[in-house]
Full PDB file with SEQRES, HELIX, SHEET, SSBOND, CRYST1, ORIGX, SCALE, CONECT and MASTER records, all heavy atoms in Angstrom:
SEQRES   1 A   38  LYS ARG SER PHE PHE GLY GLN ARG LYS ASP TYR TRP ASP          
SEQRES   2 A   38  PHE LEU CYS GLN GLY LEU ALA GLN ARG ARG GLN GLU HIS          
SEQRES   3 A   38  GLU GLY ILE ARG PHE VAL THR SER LEU ASP LYS LEU              
HELIX    1 AA1 TYR A   11  ARG A   22  1                                  12    
HELIX    2 AA2 GLU A   27  THR A   33  1                                   7    
CRYST1    1.000    1.000    1.000  90.00  90.00  90.00 P 1           1          
ORIGX1      1.000000  0.000000  0.000000        0.00000                         
ORIGX2      0.000000  1.000000  0.000000        0.00000                         
ORIGX3      0.000000  0.000000  1.000000        0.00000                         
SCALE1      1.000000  0.000000  0.000000        0.00000                         
SCALE2      0.000000  1.000000  0.000000        0.00000                         
SCALE3      0.000000  0.000000  1.000000        0.00000                         
ATOM      1  N   LYS A   1      11.458  -3.666   7.095  1.00  0.00           N  
ATOM      2  CA  LYS A   1      11.718  -3.726   5.655  1.00  0.00           C  
ATOM      3  C   LYS A   1      11.860  -2.296   5.153  1.00  0.00           C  
ATOM      4  O   LYS A   1      11.286  -1.382   5.722  1.00  0.00           O  
ATOM      5  CB  LYS A   1      10.566  -4.423   4.928  1.00  0.00           C  
ATOM      6  CG  LYS A   1      10.370  -5.857   5.336  1.00  0.00           C  
ATOM      7  CD  LYS A   1       9.162  -6.433   4.630  1.00  0.00           C  
ATOM      8  CE  LYS A   1       9.551  -7.769   4.107  1.00  0.00           C  
ATOM      9  NZ  LYS A   1       9.055  -8.097   2.819  1.00  0.00           N  
ATOM     10  N   ARG A   2      12.572  -2.149   4.083  1.00  0.00           N  
ATOM     11  CA  ARG A   2      12.773  -0.823   3.500  1.00  0.00           C  
ATOM     12  C   ARG A   2      12.418  -0.851   2.021  1.00  0.00           C  
ATOM     13  O   ARG A   2      12.599  -1.855   1.341  1.00  0.00           O  
ATOM     14  CB  ARG A   2      14.218  -0.379   3.670  1.00  0.00           C  
ATOM     15  CG  ARG A   2      14.631  -0.330   5.130  1.00  0.00           C  
ATOM     16  CD  ARG A   2      15.218   0.996   5.485  1.00  0.00           C  
ATOM     17  NE  ARG A   2      15.426   1.085   6.909  1.00  0.00           N  
ATOM     18  CZ  ARG A   2      14.879   2.008   7.666  1.00  0.00           C  
ATOM     19  NH1 ARG A   2      14.097   2.916   7.139  1.00  0.00           N  
ATOM     20  NH2 ARG A   2      15.118   2.060   8.958  1.00  0.00           N  
ATOM     21  N   SER A   3      11.932   0.289   1.565  1.00  0.00           N  
ATOM     22  CA  SER A   3      11.644   0.426   0.140  1.00  0.00           C  
ATOM     23  C   SER A   3      12.951   0.635  -0.621  1.00  0.00           C  
ATOM     24  O   SER A   3      14.023   0.788  -0.020  1.00  0.00           O  
ATOM     25  CB  SER A   3      10.705   1.614  -0.094  1.00  0.00           C  
ATOM     26  OG  SER A   3      11.396   2.825   0.151  1.00  0.00           O  
ATOM     27  N   PHE A   4      12.858   0.689  -1.917  1.00  0.00           N  
ATOM     28  CA  PHE A   4      14.027   0.912  -2.763  1.00  0.00           C  
ATOM     29  C   PHE A   4      14.747   2.204  -2.379  1.00  0.00           C  
ATOM     30  O   PHE A   4      15.958   2.291  -2.442  1.00  0.00           O  
ATOM     31  CB  PHE A   4      13.587   0.950  -4.233  1.00  0.00           C  
ATOM     32  CG  PHE A   4      14.713   1.179  -5.188  1.00  0.00           C  
ATOM     33  CD1 PHE A   4      15.604   0.160  -5.490  1.00  0.00           C  
ATOM     34  CD2 PHE A   4      14.883   2.412  -5.786  1.00  0.00           C  
ATOM     35  CE1 PHE A   4      16.648   0.378  -6.371  1.00  0.00           C  
ATOM     36  CE2 PHE A   4      15.921   2.633  -6.675  1.00  0.00           C  
ATOM     37  CZ  PHE A   4      16.806   1.602  -6.966  1.00  0.00           C  
ATOM     38  N   PHE A   5      13.984   3.218  -1.955  1.00  0.00           N  
ATOM     39  CA  PHE A   5      14.563   4.509  -1.609  1.00  0.00           C  
ATOM     40  C   PHE A   5      14.897   4.631  -0.126  1.00  0.00           C  
ATOM     41  O   PHE A   5      15.219   5.703   0.355  1.00  0.00           O  
ATOM     42  CB  PHE A   5      13.608   5.641  -2.016  1.00  0.00           C  
ATOM     43  CG  PHE A   5      13.399   5.700  -3.502  1.00  0.00           C  
ATOM     44  CD1 PHE A   5      12.202   5.293  -4.055  1.00  0.00           C  
ATOM     45  CD2 PHE A   5      14.407   6.128  -4.344  1.00  0.00           C  
ATOM     46  CE1 PHE A   5      12.006   5.330  -5.425  1.00  0.00           C  
ATOM     47  CE2 PHE A   5      14.220   6.156  -5.717  1.00  0.00           C  
ATOM     48  CZ  PHE A   5      13.018   5.764  -6.262  1.00  0.00           C  
ATOM     49  N   GLY A   6      14.795   3.528   0.613  1.00  0.00           N  
ATOM     50  CA  GLY A   6      15.196   3.519   2.009  1.00  0.00           C  
ATOM     51  C   GLY A   6      14.113   3.835   3.013  1.00  0.00           C  
ATOM     52  O   GLY A   6      14.365   3.817   4.215  1.00  0.00           O  
ATOM     53  N   GLN A   7      12.891   4.138   2.548  1.00  0.00           N  
ATOM     54  CA  GLN A   7      11.810   4.439   3.478  1.00  0.00           C  
ATOM     55  C   GLN A   7      11.351   3.143   4.142  1.00  0.00           C  
ATOM     56  O   GLN A   7      11.196   2.118   3.494  1.00  0.00           O  
ATOM     57  CB  GLN A   7      10.628   5.101   2.762  1.00  0.00           C  
ATOM     58  CG  GLN A   7       9.527   5.527   3.701  1.00  0.00           C  
ATOM     59  CD  GLN A   7       8.390   6.240   2.973  1.00  0.00           C  
ATOM     60  OE1 GLN A   7       8.170   6.031   1.790  1.00  0.00           O  
ATOM     61  NE2 GLN A   7       7.683   7.076   3.693  1.00  0.00           N  
ATOM     62  N   ARG A   8      11.151   3.230   5.472  1.00  0.00           N  
ATOM     63  CA  ARG A   8      10.727   2.051   6.224  1.00  0.00           C  
ATOM     64  C   ARG A   8       9.318   1.648   5.809  1.00  0.00           C  
ATOM     65  O   ARG A   8       8.422   2.471   5.726  1.00  0.00           O  
ATOM     66  CB  ARG A   8      10.756   2.349   7.725  1.00  0.00           C  
ATOM     67  CG  ARG A   8      10.487   1.124   8.572  1.00  0.00           C  
ATOM     68  CD  ARG A   8      10.543   1.485  10.066  1.00  0.00           C  
ATOM     69  NE  ARG A   8      10.509   0.305  10.885  1.00  0.00           N  
ATOM     70  CZ  ARG A   8       9.395  -0.369  11.193  1.00  0.00           C  
ATOM     71  NH1 ARG A   8       8.236   0.019  10.726  1.00  0.00           N  
ATOM     72  NH2 ARG A   8       9.450  -1.432  11.959  1.00  0.00           N  
ATOM     73  N   LYS A   9       9.132   0.367   5.559  1.00  0.00           N  
ATOM     74  CA  LYS A   9       7.806  -0.145   5.221  1.00  0.00           C  
ATOM     75  C   LYS A   9       7.044  -0.435   6.514  1.00  0.00           C  
ATOM     76  O   LYS A   9       7.648  -0.717   7.548  1.00  0.00           O  
ATOM     77  CB  LYS A   9       7.902  -1.412   4.377  1.00  0.00           C  
ATOM     78  CG  LYS A   9       8.446  -1.152   2.984  1.00  0.00           C  
ATOM     79  CD  LYS A   9       8.389  -2.400   2.146  1.00  0.00           C  
ATOM     80  CE  LYS A   9       8.801  -2.104   0.716  1.00  0.00           C  
ATOM     81  NZ  LYS A   9       8.557  -3.266  -0.146  1.00  0.00           N  
ATOM     82  N   ASP A  10       5.721  -0.389   6.444  1.00  0.00           N  
ATOM     83  CA  ASP A  10       4.898  -0.607   7.619  1.00  0.00           C  
ATOM     84  C   ASP A  10       3.741  -1.529   7.242  1.00  0.00           C  
ATOM     85  O   ASP A  10       3.705  -2.075   6.149  1.00  0.00           O  
ATOM     86  CB  ASP A  10       4.395   0.735   8.160  1.00  0.00           C  
ATOM     87  CG  ASP A  10       4.203   0.710   9.664  1.00  0.00           C  
ATOM     88  OD1 ASP A  10       3.485  -0.189  10.149  1.00  0.00           O  
ATOM     89  OD2 ASP A  10       4.747   1.578  10.358  1.00  0.00           O  
ATOM     90  N   TYR A  11       2.776  -1.645   8.150  1.00  0.00           N  
ATOM     91  CA  TYR A  11       1.654  -2.544   7.896  1.00  0.00           C  
ATOM     92  C   TYR A  11       0.863  -2.136   6.662  1.00  0.00           C  
ATOM     93  O   TYR A  11       0.233  -2.973   6.027  1.00  0.00           O  
ATOM     94  CB  TYR A  11       0.747  -2.689   9.122  1.00  0.00           C  
ATOM     95  CG  TYR A  11      -0.006  -1.446   9.532  1.00  0.00           C  
ATOM     96  CD1 TYR A  11      -1.272  -1.190   9.020  1.00  0.00           C  
ATOM     97  CD2 TYR A  11       0.528  -0.551  10.443  1.00  0.00           C  
ATOM     98  CE1 TYR A  11      -1.980  -0.064   9.396  1.00  0.00           C  
ATOM     99  CE2 TYR A  11      -0.175   0.569  10.829  1.00  0.00           C  
ATOM    100  CZ  TYR A  11      -1.418   0.817  10.308  1.00  0.00           C  
ATOM    101  OH  TYR A  11      -2.116   1.927  10.676  1.00  0.00           O  
ATOM    102  N   TRP A  12       0.893  -0.881   6.279  1.00  0.00           N  
ATOM    103  CA  TRP A  12       0.245  -0.434   5.047  1.00  0.00           C  
ATOM    104  C   TRP A  12       0.787  -1.227   3.859  1.00  0.00           C  
ATOM    105  O   TRP A  12       0.036  -1.697   3.008  1.00  0.00           O  
ATOM    106  CB  TRP A  12       0.463   1.063   4.862  1.00  0.00           C  
ATOM    107  CG  TRP A  12       0.248   1.553   3.474  1.00  0.00           C  
ATOM    108  CD1 TRP A  12       1.201   1.946   2.580  1.00  0.00           C  
ATOM    109  CD2 TRP A  12      -1.013   1.711   2.793  1.00  0.00           C  
ATOM    110  NE1 TRP A  12       0.617   2.328   1.401  1.00  0.00           N  
ATOM    111  CE2 TRP A  12      -0.740   2.196   1.503  1.00  0.00           C  
ATOM    112  CE3 TRP A  12      -2.331   1.476   3.151  1.00  0.00           C  
ATOM    113  CZ2 TRP A  12      -1.734   2.455   0.565  1.00  0.00           C  
ATOM    114  CZ3 TRP A  12      -3.326   1.735   2.217  1.00  0.00           C  
ATOM    115  CH2 TRP A  12      -3.024   2.233   0.951  1.00  0.00           C  
ATOM    116  N   ASP A  13       2.097  -1.382   3.804  1.00  0.00           N  
ATOM    117  CA  ASP A  13       2.731  -2.101   2.705  1.00  0.00           C  
ATOM    118  C   ASP A  13       2.345  -3.586   2.733  1.00  0.00           C  
ATOM    119  O   ASP A  13       2.121  -4.188   1.686  1.00  0.00           O  
ATOM    120  CB  ASP A  13       4.250  -1.934   2.781  1.00  0.00           C  
ATOM    121  CG  ASP A  13       4.643  -0.466   2.741  1.00  0.00           C  
ATOM    122  OD1 ASP A  13       4.566   0.139   1.660  1.00  0.00           O  
ATOM    123  OD2 ASP A  13       4.997   0.083   3.809  1.00  0.00           O  
ATOM    124  N   PHE A  14       2.256  -4.148   3.944  1.00  0.00           N  
ATOM    125  CA  PHE A  14       1.801  -5.535   4.090  1.00  0.00           C  
ATOM    126  C   PHE A  14       0.380  -5.691   3.560  1.00  0.00           C  
ATOM    127  O   PHE A  14       0.078  -6.626   2.811  1.00  0.00           O  
ATOM    128  CB  PHE A  14       1.881  -5.947   5.566  1.00  0.00           C  
ATOM    129  CG  PHE A  14       1.086  -7.182   5.891  1.00  0.00           C  
ATOM    130  CD1 PHE A  14       1.498  -8.422   5.443  1.00  0.00           C  
ATOM    131  CD2 PHE A  14      -0.078  -7.089   6.627  1.00  0.00           C  
ATOM    132  CE1 PHE A  14       0.754  -9.575   5.738  1.00  0.00           C  
ATOM    133  CE2 PHE A  14      -0.827  -8.226   6.928  1.00  0.00           C  
ATOM    134  CZ  PHE A  14      -0.407  -9.469   6.482  1.00  0.00           C  
ATOM    135  N   LEU A  15      -0.500  -4.752   3.928  1.00  0.00           N  
ATOM    136  CA  LEU A  15      -1.890  -4.819   3.481  1.00  0.00           C  
ATOM    137  C   LEU A  15      -1.986  -4.666   1.962  1.00  0.00           C  
ATOM    138  O   LEU A  15      -2.721  -5.406   1.311  1.00  0.00           O  
ATOM    139  CB  LEU A  15      -2.728  -3.744   4.178  1.00  0.00           C  
ATOM    140  CG  LEU A  15      -2.886  -3.900   5.692  1.00  0.00           C  
ATOM    141  CD1 LEU A  15      -3.529  -2.652   6.295  1.00  0.00           C  
ATOM    142  CD2 LEU A  15      -3.684  -5.146   6.031  1.00  0.00           C  
ATOM    143  N   CYS A  16      -1.252  -3.734   1.410  1.00  0.00           N  
ATOM    144  CA  CYS A  16      -1.260  -3.533  -0.054  1.00  0.00           C  
ATOM    145  C   CYS A  16      -0.814  -4.794  -0.778  1.00  0.00           C  
ATOM    146  O   CYS A  16      -1.450  -5.222  -1.749  1.00  0.00           O  
ATOM    147  CB  CYS A  16      -0.348  -2.380  -0.443  1.00  0.00           C  
ATOM    148  SG  CYS A  16      -0.986  -0.760  -0.050  1.00  0.00           S  
ATOM    149  N   GLN A  17       0.272  -5.393  -0.316  1.00  0.00           N  
ATOM    150  CA  GLN A  17       0.776  -6.600  -0.962  1.00  0.00           C  
ATOM    151  C   GLN A  17      -0.222  -7.744  -0.816  1.00  0.00           C  
ATOM    152  O   GLN A  17      -0.514  -8.452  -1.777  1.00  0.00           O  
ATOM    153  CB  GLN A  17       2.116  -7.009  -0.366  1.00  0.00           C  
ATOM    154  CG  GLN A  17       2.672  -8.288  -0.978  1.00  0.00           C  
ATOM    155  CD  GLN A  17       3.963  -8.718  -0.336  1.00  0.00           C  
ATOM    156  OE1 GLN A  17       4.880  -7.920  -0.192  1.00  0.00           O  
ATOM    157  NE2 GLN A  17       4.047  -9.981   0.044  1.00  0.00           N  
ATOM    158  N   GLY A  18      -0.753  -7.925   0.377  1.00  0.00           N  
ATOM    159  CA  GLY A  18      -1.696  -9.011   0.619  1.00  0.00           C  
ATOM    160  C   GLY A  18      -2.958  -8.890  -0.205  1.00  0.00           C  
ATOM    161  O   GLY A  18      -3.458  -9.874  -0.760  1.00  0.00           O  
ATOM    162  N   LEU A  19      -3.480  -7.683  -0.302  1.00  0.00           N  
ATOM    163  CA  LEU A  19      -4.704  -7.475  -1.085  1.00  0.00           C  
ATOM    164  C   LEU A  19      -4.425  -7.577  -2.579  1.00  0.00           C  
ATOM    165  O   LEU A  19      -5.263  -8.068  -3.337  1.00  0.00           O  
ATOM    166  CB  LEU A  19      -5.345  -6.136  -0.726  1.00  0.00           C  
ATOM    167  CG  LEU A  19      -5.944  -6.099   0.681  1.00  0.00           C  
ATOM    168  CD1 LEU A  19      -6.311  -4.676   1.078  1.00  0.00           C  
ATOM    169  CD2 LEU A  19      -7.151  -7.017   0.781  1.00  0.00           C  
ATOM    170  N   ALA A  20      -3.259  -7.134  -3.008  1.00  0.00           N  
ATOM    171  CA  ALA A  20      -2.909  -7.225  -4.429  1.00  0.00           C  
ATOM    172  C   ALA A  20      -2.804  -8.682  -4.872  1.00  0.00           C  
ATOM    173  O   ALA A  20      -3.123  -9.007  -6.018  1.00  0.00           O  
ATOM    174  CB  ALA A  20      -1.594  -6.491  -4.690  1.00  0.00           C  
ATOM    175  N   GLN A  21      -2.383  -9.557  -3.971  1.00  0.00           N  
ATOM    176  CA  GLN A  21      -2.269 -10.974  -4.313  1.00  0.00           C  
ATOM    177  C   GLN A  21      -3.631 -11.636  -4.463  1.00  0.00           C  
ATOM    178  O   GLN A  21      -3.762 -12.657  -5.119  1.00  0.00           O  
ATOM    179  CB  GLN A  21      -1.479 -11.722  -3.239  1.00  0.00           C  
ATOM    180  CG  GLN A  21      -0.016 -11.382  -3.217  1.00  0.00           C  
ATOM    181  CD  GLN A  21       0.707 -12.043  -2.046  1.00  0.00           C  
ATOM    182  OE1 GLN A  21       0.100 -12.521  -1.103  1.00  0.00           O  
ATOM    183  NE2 GLN A  21       2.024 -12.050  -2.118  1.00  0.00           N  
ATOM    184  N   ARG A  22      -4.665 -11.073  -3.847  1.00  0.00           N  
ATOM    185  CA  ARG A  22      -5.978 -11.718  -3.799  1.00  0.00           C  
ATOM    186  C   ARG A  22      -7.031 -11.089  -4.708  1.00  0.00           C  
ATOM    187  O   ARG A  22      -8.021 -11.701  -5.039  1.00  0.00           O  
ATOM    188  CB  ARG A  22      -6.521 -11.691  -2.372  1.00  0.00           C  
ATOM    189  CG  ARG A  22      -5.638 -12.380  -1.393  1.00  0.00           C  
ATOM    190  CD  ARG A  22      -5.719 -13.860  -1.595  1.00  0.00           C  
ATOM    191  NE  ARG A  22      -4.685 -14.516  -0.798  1.00  0.00           N  
ATOM    192  CZ  ARG A  22      -4.233 -15.705  -1.048  1.00  0.00           C  
ATOM    193  NH1 ARG A  22      -4.691 -16.396  -2.044  1.00  0.00           N  
ATOM    194  NH2 ARG A  22      -3.311 -16.230  -0.294  1.00  0.00           N  
ATOM    195  N   ARG A  23      -6.840  -9.826  -5.056  1.00  0.00           N  
ATOM    196  CA  ARG A  23      -7.861  -9.103  -5.821  1.00  0.00           C  
ATOM    197  C   ARG A  23      -7.206  -8.285  -6.916  1.00  0.00           C  
ATOM    198  O   ARG A  23      -6.026  -7.995  -6.863  1.00  0.00           O  
ATOM    199  CB  ARG A  23      -8.600  -8.114  -4.908  1.00  0.00           C  
ATOM    200  CG  ARG A  23      -9.488  -8.736  -3.902  1.00  0.00           C  
ATOM    201  CD  ARG A  23     -10.229  -7.628  -3.226  1.00  0.00           C  
ATOM    202  NE  ARG A  23     -11.277  -8.203  -2.392  1.00  0.00           N  
ATOM    203  CZ  ARG A  23     -12.096  -7.487  -1.680  1.00  0.00           C  
ATOM    204  NH1 ARG A  23     -12.013  -6.188  -1.678  1.00  0.00           N  
ATOM    205  NH2 ARG A  23     -13.018  -8.059  -0.951  1.00  0.00           N  
ATOM    206  N   GLN A  24      -8.042  -7.832  -7.833  1.00  0.00           N  
ATOM    207  CA  GLN A  24      -7.546  -6.893  -8.837  1.00  0.00           C  
ATOM    208  C   GLN A  24      -7.130  -5.588  -8.155  1.00  0.00           C  
ATOM    209  O   GLN A  24      -6.017  -5.156  -8.262  1.00  0.00           O  
ATOM    210  CB  GLN A  24      -8.637  -6.602  -9.873  1.00  0.00           C  
ATOM    211  CG  GLN A  24      -9.009  -7.785 -10.714  1.00  0.00           C  
ATOM    212  CD  GLN A  24      -7.972  -8.062 -11.772  1.00  0.00           C  
ATOM    213  OE1 GLN A  24      -7.076  -7.270 -11.990  1.00  0.00           O  
ATOM    214  NE2 GLN A  24      -8.089  -9.189 -12.430  1.00  0.00           N  
ATOM    215  N   GLU A  25      -8.094  -4.984  -7.464  1.00  0.00           N  
ATOM    216  CA  GLU A  25      -7.813  -3.728  -6.767  1.00  0.00           C  
ATOM    217  C   GLU A  25      -8.834  -3.557  -5.649  1.00  0.00           C  
ATOM    218  O   GLU A  25     -10.013  -3.845  -5.821  1.00  0.00           O  
ATOM    219  CB  GLU A  25      -7.899  -2.554  -7.743  1.00  0.00           C  
ATOM    220  CG  GLU A  25      -7.353  -1.285  -7.173  1.00  0.00           C  
ATOM    221  CD  GLU A  25      -7.228  -0.178  -8.208  1.00  0.00           C  
ATOM    222  OE1 GLU A  25      -7.654  -0.381  -9.361  1.00  0.00           O  
ATOM    223  OE2 GLU A  25      -6.716   0.874  -7.853  1.00  0.00           O  
ATOM    224  N   HIS A  26      -8.374  -3.080  -4.524  1.00  0.00           N  
ATOM    225  CA  HIS A  26      -9.236  -2.848  -3.367  1.00  0.00           C  
ATOM    226  C   HIS A  26      -9.615  -1.363  -3.365  1.00  0.00           C  
ATOM    227  O   HIS A  26      -8.751  -0.498  -3.493  1.00  0.00           O  
ATOM    228  CB  HIS A  26      -8.480  -3.220  -2.093  1.00  0.00           C  
ATOM    229  CG  HIS A  26      -9.319  -3.226  -0.866  1.00  0.00           C  
ATOM    230  ND1 HIS A  26      -9.666  -2.080  -0.208  1.00  0.00           N  
ATOM    231  CD2 HIS A  26      -9.890  -4.240  -0.182  1.00  0.00           C  
ATOM    232  CE1 HIS A  26     -10.406  -2.386   0.840  1.00  0.00           C  
ATOM    233  NE2 HIS A  26     -10.555  -3.703   0.877  1.00  0.00           N  
ATOM    234  N   GLU A  27     -10.898  -1.076  -3.222  1.00  0.00           N  
ATOM    235  CA  GLU A  27     -11.364   0.320  -3.224  1.00  0.00           C  
ATOM    236  C   GLU A  27     -10.678   1.141  -2.139  1.00  0.00           C  
ATOM    237  O   GLU A  27     -10.376   2.311  -2.336  1.00  0.00           O  
ATOM    238  CB  GLU A  27     -12.883   0.371  -3.032  1.00  0.00           C  
ATOM    239  CG  GLU A  27     -13.666  -0.041  -4.248  1.00  0.00           C  
ATOM    240  CD  GLU A  27     -13.489   0.916  -5.414  1.00  0.00           C  
ATOM    241  OE1 GLU A  27     -13.449   2.147  -5.205  1.00  0.00           O  
ATOM    242  OE2 GLU A  27     -13.386   0.428  -6.550  1.00  0.00           O  
ATOM    243  N   GLY A  28     -10.447   0.536  -0.977  1.00  0.00           N  
ATOM    244  CA  GLY A  28      -9.791   1.252   0.123  1.00  0.00           C  
ATOM    245  C   GLY A  28      -8.370   1.648  -0.224  1.00  0.00           C  
ATOM    246  O   GLY A  28      -7.931   2.756   0.090  1.00  0.00           O  
ATOM    247  N   ILE A  29      -7.654   0.764  -0.886  1.00  0.00           N  
ATOM    248  CA  ILE A  29      -6.280   1.073  -1.308  1.00  0.00           C  
ATOM    249  C   ILE A  29      -6.302   2.204  -2.327  1.00  0.00           C  
ATOM    250  O   ILE A  29      -5.529   3.161  -2.230  1.00  0.00           O  
ATOM    251  CB  ILE A  29      -5.593  -0.179  -1.909  1.00  0.00           C  
ATOM    252  CG1 ILE A  29      -5.536  -1.319  -0.908  1.00  0.00           C  
ATOM    253  CG2 ILE A  29      -4.221   0.168  -2.470  1.00  0.00           C  
ATOM    254  CD1 ILE A  29      -4.559  -1.188   0.207  1.00  0.00           C  
ATOM    255  N   ARG A  30      -7.208   2.098  -3.287  1.00  0.00           N  
ATOM    256  CA  ARG A  30      -7.314   3.151  -4.304  1.00  0.00           C  
ATOM    257  C   ARG A  30      -7.673   4.498  -3.665  1.00  0.00           C  
ATOM    258  O   ARG A  30      -7.091   5.528  -3.998  1.00  0.00           O  
ATOM    259  CB  ARG A  30      -8.349   2.771  -5.361  1.00  0.00           C  
ATOM    260  CG  ARG A  30      -8.394   3.778  -6.488  1.00  0.00           C  
ATOM    261  CD  ARG A  30      -9.276   3.416  -7.647  1.00  0.00           C  
ATOM    262  NE  ARG A  30     -10.388   2.554  -7.327  1.00  0.00           N  
ATOM    263  CZ  ARG A  30     -10.828   1.588  -8.120  1.00  0.00           C  
ATOM    264  NH1 ARG A  30     -10.235   1.354  -9.262  1.00  0.00           N  
ATOM    265  NH2 ARG A  30     -11.869   0.861  -7.788  1.00  0.00           N  
ATOM    266  N   PHE A  31      -8.620   4.480  -2.721  1.00  0.00           N  
ATOM    267  CA  PHE A  31      -9.026   5.716  -2.051  1.00  0.00           C  
ATOM    268  C   PHE A  31      -7.852   6.336  -1.287  1.00  0.00           C  
ATOM    269  O   PHE A  31      -7.577   7.527  -1.423  1.00  0.00           O  
ATOM    270  CB  PHE A  31     -10.192   5.438  -1.089  1.00  0.00           C  
ATOM    271  CG  PHE A  31     -10.555   6.620  -0.245  1.00  0.00           C  
ATOM    272  CD1 PHE A  31     -11.284   7.670  -0.780  1.00  0.00           C  
ATOM    273  CD2 PHE A  31     -10.154   6.692   1.077  1.00  0.00           C  
ATOM    274  CE1 PHE A  31     -11.606   8.780  -0.005  1.00  0.00           C  
ATOM    275  CE2 PHE A  31     -10.467   7.793   1.858  1.00  0.00           C  
ATOM    276  CZ  PHE A  31     -11.201   8.839   1.315  1.00  0.00           C  
ATOM    277  N   VAL A  32      -7.164   5.528  -0.503  1.00  0.00           N  
ATOM    278  CA  VAL A  32      -6.072   6.055   0.325  1.00  0.00           C  
ATOM    279  C   VAL A  32      -4.931   6.581  -0.534  1.00  0.00           C  
ATOM    280  O   VAL A  32      -4.370   7.645  -0.251  1.00  0.00           O  
ATOM    281  CB  VAL A  32      -5.586   4.985   1.326  1.00  0.00           C  
ATOM    282  CG1 VAL A  32      -4.302   5.412   2.014  1.00  0.00           C  
ATOM    283  CG2 VAL A  32      -6.669   4.690   2.358  1.00  0.00           C  
ATOM    284  N   THR A  33      -4.587   5.879  -1.599  1.00  0.00           N  
ATOM    285  CA  THR A  33      -3.493   6.354  -2.450  1.00  0.00           C  
ATOM    286  C   THR A  33      -3.867   7.626  -3.205  1.00  0.00           C  
ATOM    287  O   THR A  33      -2.985   8.351  -3.657  1.00  0.00           O  
ATOM    288  CB  THR A  33      -3.024   5.272  -3.437  1.00  0.00           C  
ATOM    289  OG1 THR A  33      -4.141   4.802  -4.180  1.00  0.00           O  
ATOM    290  CG2 THR A  33      -2.370   4.116  -2.709  1.00  0.00           C  
ATOM    291  N   SER A  34      -5.153   7.919  -3.312  1.00  0.00           N  
ATOM    292  CA  SER A  34      -5.574   9.155  -3.986  1.00  0.00           C  
ATOM    293  C   SER A  34      -5.469  10.381  -3.070  1.00  0.00           C  
ATOM    294  O   SER A  34      -5.568  11.509  -3.555  1.00  0.00           O  
ATOM    295  CB  SER A  34      -7.020   9.021  -4.487  1.00  0.00           C  
ATOM    296  OG  SER A  34      -7.935   9.117  -3.414  1.00  0.00           O  
ATOM    297  N   LEU A  35      -5.256  10.166  -1.792  1.00  0.00           N  
ATOM    298  CA  LEU A  35      -5.175  11.282  -0.838  1.00  0.00           C  
ATOM    299  C   LEU A  35      -3.753  11.831  -0.809  1.00  0.00           C  
ATOM    300  O   LEU A  35      -2.844  11.223  -0.245  1.00  0.00           O  
ATOM    301  CB  LEU A  35      -5.598  10.816   0.562  1.00  0.00           C  
ATOM    302  CG  LEU A  35      -7.020  10.272   0.687  1.00  0.00           C  
ATOM    303  CD1 LEU A  35      -7.250   9.696   2.082  1.00  0.00           C  
ATOM    304  CD2 LEU A  35      -8.037  11.357   0.384  1.00  0.00           C  
ATOM    305  N   ASP A  36      -3.568  13.000  -1.429  1.00  0.00           N  
ATOM    306  CA  ASP A  36      -2.237  13.595  -1.538  1.00  0.00           C  
ATOM    307  C   ASP A  36      -1.646  14.013  -0.197  1.00  0.00           C  
ATOM    308  O   ASP A  36      -0.430  14.119  -0.059  1.00  0.00           O  
ATOM    309  CB  ASP A  36      -2.277  14.816  -2.467  1.00  0.00           C  
ATOM    310  CG  ASP A  36      -2.610  14.428  -3.895  1.00  0.00           C  
ATOM    311  OD1 ASP A  36      -2.326  13.278  -4.282  1.00  0.00           O  
ATOM    312  OD2 ASP A  36      -3.163  15.277  -4.622  1.00  0.00           O  
ATOM    313  N   LYS A  37      -2.486  14.275   0.797  1.00  0.00           N  
ATOM    314  CA  LYS A  37      -1.993  14.734   2.098  1.00  0.00           C  
ATOM    315  C   LYS A  37      -1.240  13.654   2.863  1.00  0.00           C  
ATOM    316  O   LYS A  37      -0.438  13.954   3.731  1.00  0.00           O  
ATOM    317  CB  LYS A  37      -3.154  15.237   2.962  1.00  0.00           C  
ATOM    318  CG  LYS A  37      -3.785  16.502   2.479  1.00  0.00           C  
ATOM    319  CD  LYS A  37      -4.888  16.936   3.424  1.00  0.00           C  
ATOM    320  CE  LYS A  37      -5.527  18.220   2.932  1.00  0.00           C  
ATOM    321  NZ  LYS A  37      -6.571  18.683   3.840  1.00  0.00           N  
ATOM    322  N   LEU A  38      -1.518  12.402   2.546  1.00  0.00           N  
ATOM    323  CA  LEU A  38      -0.886  11.301   3.279  1.00  0.00           C  
ATOM    324  C   LEU A  38       0.478  11.004   2.685  1.00  0.00           C  
ATOM    325  O   LEU A  38       0.583  10.603   1.527  1.00  0.00           O  
ATOM    326  CB  LEU A  38      -1.774  10.064   3.239  1.00  0.00           C  
ATOM    327  CG  LEU A  38      -3.150  10.222   3.866  1.00  0.00           C  
ATOM    328  CD1 LEU A  38      -3.979   8.969   3.675  1.00  0.00           C  
ATOM    329  CD2 LEU A  38      -3.031  10.556   5.343  1.00  0.00           C  
TER     330      LEU A  38                                                      
MASTER        0    0    0    2    0    0    0    6  329    1    0    3          
END                                                                             
């Protein structure tokens, strides 16, 4: 799968979508997205 800008999606995107469907927000997702180095 590809994002709107053409970047290949990976299991990270699957996990984000799956958790977003089940919860308001997952602490792990919030933590990882806050890391600018990634």
